[in-house]
Amino acid sequence: MVIRRMKPLGFTLEEMGELLAVTDRLDDSGAAPLEAAEREQLLARLARFEQVTRERYEALRTQLSRAEEFAADLQRRAGQLTGGSA
């Protein structure tokens, strides 16, 4: 599921693997407890993924908005050229 969600955002397979490793390590209650420094490092990497994800989905929203405007402009223009009221 994580990979399916990351792929449209342009993350590489390497980045996907890194995120999975980070979250697995943070979630692994059966492993040896994390030292404070390691935990902070993992949380910082996780925060970076969250920041990059937010930036990328905002960029996609902007692209989608521009595409919707363009489609609407084309529809209006087609309506004008064909005498319709589109």
C-alpha atoms as a PDB file:
ATOM      1  CA  MET A   1       0.000   0.000   0.000  1.00  0.00           C
ATOM      2  CA  VAL A   2       2.833   2.385   0.836  1.00  0.00           C
ATOM      3  CA  ILE A   3       4.480   1.786  -2.528  1.00  0.00           C
ATOM      4  CA  ARG A   4       1.197   2.326  -4.362  1.00  0.00           C
ATOM      5  CA  ARG A   5       0.801   5.675  -2.603  1.00  0.00           C
ATOM      6  CA  MET A   6       4.393   6.801  -3.109  1.00  0.00           C
ATOM      7  CA  LYS A   7       4.684   5.948  -6.802  1.00  0.00           C
ATOM      8  CA  PRO A   8       2.470   8.782  -8.156  1.00  0.00           C
ATOM      9  CA  LEU A   9       4.506  11.221  -6.082  1.00  0.00           C
ATOM     10  CA  GLY A  10       7.668  10.283  -7.958  1.00  0.00           C
ATOM     11  CA  PHE A  11       9.529   8.503  -5.182  1.00  0.00           C
ATOM     12  CA  THR A  12      12.175   6.051  -6.381  1.00  0.00           C
ATOM     13  CA  LEU A  13      12.198   2.416  -5.355  1.00  0.00           C
ATOM     14  CA  GLU A  14      15.253   3.202  -3.251  1.00  0.00           C
ATOM     15  CA  GLU A  15      13.376   5.945  -1.422  1.00  0.00           C
ATOM     16  CA  MET A  16      10.391   3.671  -0.913  1.00  0.00           C
ATOM     17  CA  GLY A  17      12.670   1.047   0.566  1.00  0.00           C
ATOM     18  CA  GLU A  18      14.269   3.632   2.828  1.00  0.00           C
ATOM     19  CA  LEU A  19      10.909   4.815   4.130  1.00  0.00           C
ATOM     20  CA  LEU A  20       9.771   1.251   4.761  1.00  0.00           C
ATOM     21  CA  ALA A  21      13.021   0.543   6.626  1.00  0.00           C
ATOM     22  CA  VAL A  22      12.568   3.667   8.755  1.00  0.00           C
ATOM     23  CA  THR A  23       8.967   2.911   9.649  1.00  0.00           C
ATOM     24  CA  ASP A  24       9.692  -0.770  10.239  1.00  0.00           C
ATOM     25  CA  ARG A  25      12.505   0.118  12.643  1.00  0.00           C
ATOM     26  CA  LEU A  26      10.353   2.652  14.491  1.00  0.00           C
ATOM     27  CA  ASP A  27       7.434   0.190  14.698  1.00  0.00           C
ATOM     28  CA  ASP A  28       9.469  -2.896  15.646  1.00  0.00           C
ATOM     29  CA  SER A  29       8.536  -3.430  19.270  1.00  0.00           C
ATOM     30  CA  GLY A  30      10.154  -6.877  19.281  1.00  0.00           C
ATOM     31  CA  ALA A  31      13.611  -5.530  18.510  1.00  0.00           C
ATOM     32  CA  ALA A  32      16.082  -4.047  20.933  1.00  0.00           C
ATOM     33  CA  PRO A  33      14.912  -0.652  22.160  1.00  0.00           C
ATOM     34  CA  LEU A  34      16.091   2.298  20.118  1.00  0.00           C
ATOM     35  CA  GLU A  35      18.724   4.537  21.573  1.00  0.00           C
ATOM     36  CA  ALA A  36      17.687   8.175  21.735  1.00  0.00           C
ATOM     37  CA  ALA A  37      20.088   9.245  18.980  1.00  0.00           C
ATOM     38  CA  GLU A  38      18.932   6.520  16.588  1.00  0.00           C
ATOM     39  CA  ARG A  39      15.291   7.301  17.310  1.00  0.00           C
ATOM     40  CA  GLU A  40      15.864  11.004  16.646  1.00  0.00           C
ATOM     41  CA  GLN A  41      17.658  10.208  13.388  1.00  0.00           C
ATOM     42  CA  LEU A  42      14.828   7.939  12.236  1.00  0.00           C
ATOM     43  CA  LEU A  43      12.201  10.513  13.182  1.00  0.00           C
ATOM     44  CA  ALA A  44      14.121  13.195  11.272  1.00  0.00           C
ATOM     45  CA  ARG A  45      14.206  10.985   8.174  1.00  0.00           C
ATOM     46  CA  LEU A  46      10.484  10.319   8.559  1.00  0.00           C
ATOM     47  CA  ALA A  47       9.807  14.055   8.886  1.00  0.00           C
ATOM     48  CA  ARG A  48      11.787  14.679   5.694  1.00  0.00           C
ATOM     49  CA  PHE A  49       9.639  12.154   3.828  1.00  0.00           C
ATOM     50  CA  GLU A  50       6.533  13.881   5.152  1.00  0.00           C
ATOM     51  CA  GLN A  51       7.829  17.275   3.992  1.00  0.00           C
ATOM     52  CA  VAL A  52       8.754  16.021   0.524  1.00  0.00           C
ATOM     53  CA  THR A  53       5.384  14.271   0.217  1.00  0.00           C
ATOM     54  CA  ARG A  54       3.551  17.479   1.097  1.00  0.00           C
ATOM     55  CA  GLU A  55       5.600  19.483  -1.425  1.00  0.00           C
ATOM     56  CA  ARG A  56       4.973  16.943  -4.167  1.00  0.00           C
ATOM     57  CA  TYR A  57       1.243  16.667  -3.632  1.00  0.00           C
ATOM     58  CA  GLU A  58       0.941  20.450  -3.578  1.00  0.00           C
ATOM     59  CA  ALA A  59       2.754  20.540  -6.925  1.00  0.00           C
ATOM     60  CA  LEU A  60       0.346  17.917  -8.265  1.00  0.00           C
ATOM     61  CA  ARG A  61      -2.627  19.963  -7.032  1.00  0.00           C
ATOM     62  CA  THR A  62      -1.287  22.973  -8.911  1.00  0.00           C
ATOM     63  CA  GLN A  63      -0.859  20.903 -12.071  1.00  0.00           C
ATOM     64  CA  LEU A  64      -4.367  19.498 -11.728  1.00  0.00           C
ATOM     65  CA  SER A  65      -5.832  22.961 -11.246  1.00  0.00           C
ATOM     66  CA  ARG A  66      -4.070  24.213 -14.374  1.00  0.00           C
ATOM     67  CA  ALA A  67      -5.274  21.185 -16.326  1.00  0.00           C
ATOM     68  CA  GLU A  68      -8.865  21.799 -15.197  1.00  0.00           C
ATOM     69  CA  GLU A  69      -8.637  25.460 -16.240  1.00  0.00           C
ATOM     70  CA  PHE A  70      -7.232  24.453 -19.621  1.00  0.00           C
ATOM     71  CA  ALA A  71      -9.971  21.869 -20.168  1.00  0.00           C
ATOM     72  CA  ALA A  72     -12.626  24.440 -19.292  1.00  0.00           C
ATOM     73  CA  ASP A  73     -11.057  26.967 -21.687  1.00  0.00           C
ATOM     74  CA  LEU A  74     -11.056  24.388 -24.469  1.00  0.00           C
ATOM     75  CA  GLN A  75     -14.677  23.517 -23.765  1.00  0.00           C
ATOM     76  CA  ARG A  76     -15.687  27.200 -23.931  1.00  0.00           C
ATOM     77  CA  ARG A  77     -13.723  27.719 -27.120  1.00  0.00           C
ATOM     78  CA  ALA A  78     -15.252  24.645 -28.737  1.00  0.00           C
ATOM     79  CA  GLY A  79     -18.694  25.906 -27.785  1.00  0.00           C
ATOM     80  CA  GLN A  80     -17.967  29.293 -29.325  1.00  0.00           C
ATOM     81  CA  LEU A  81     -16.738  27.754 -32.558  1.00  0.00           C
ATOM     82  CA  THR A  82     -19.677  25.393 -32.911  1.00  0.00           C
ATOM     83  CA  GLY A  83     -22.290  27.911 -31.864  1.00  0.00           C
ATOM     84  CA  GLY A  84     -23.140  25.965 -28.718  1.00  0.00           C
ATOM     85  CA  SER A  85     -23.347  27.284 -25.217  1.00  0.00           C
ATOM     86  CA  ALA A  86     -20.634  25.074 -23.696  1.00  0.00           C
END
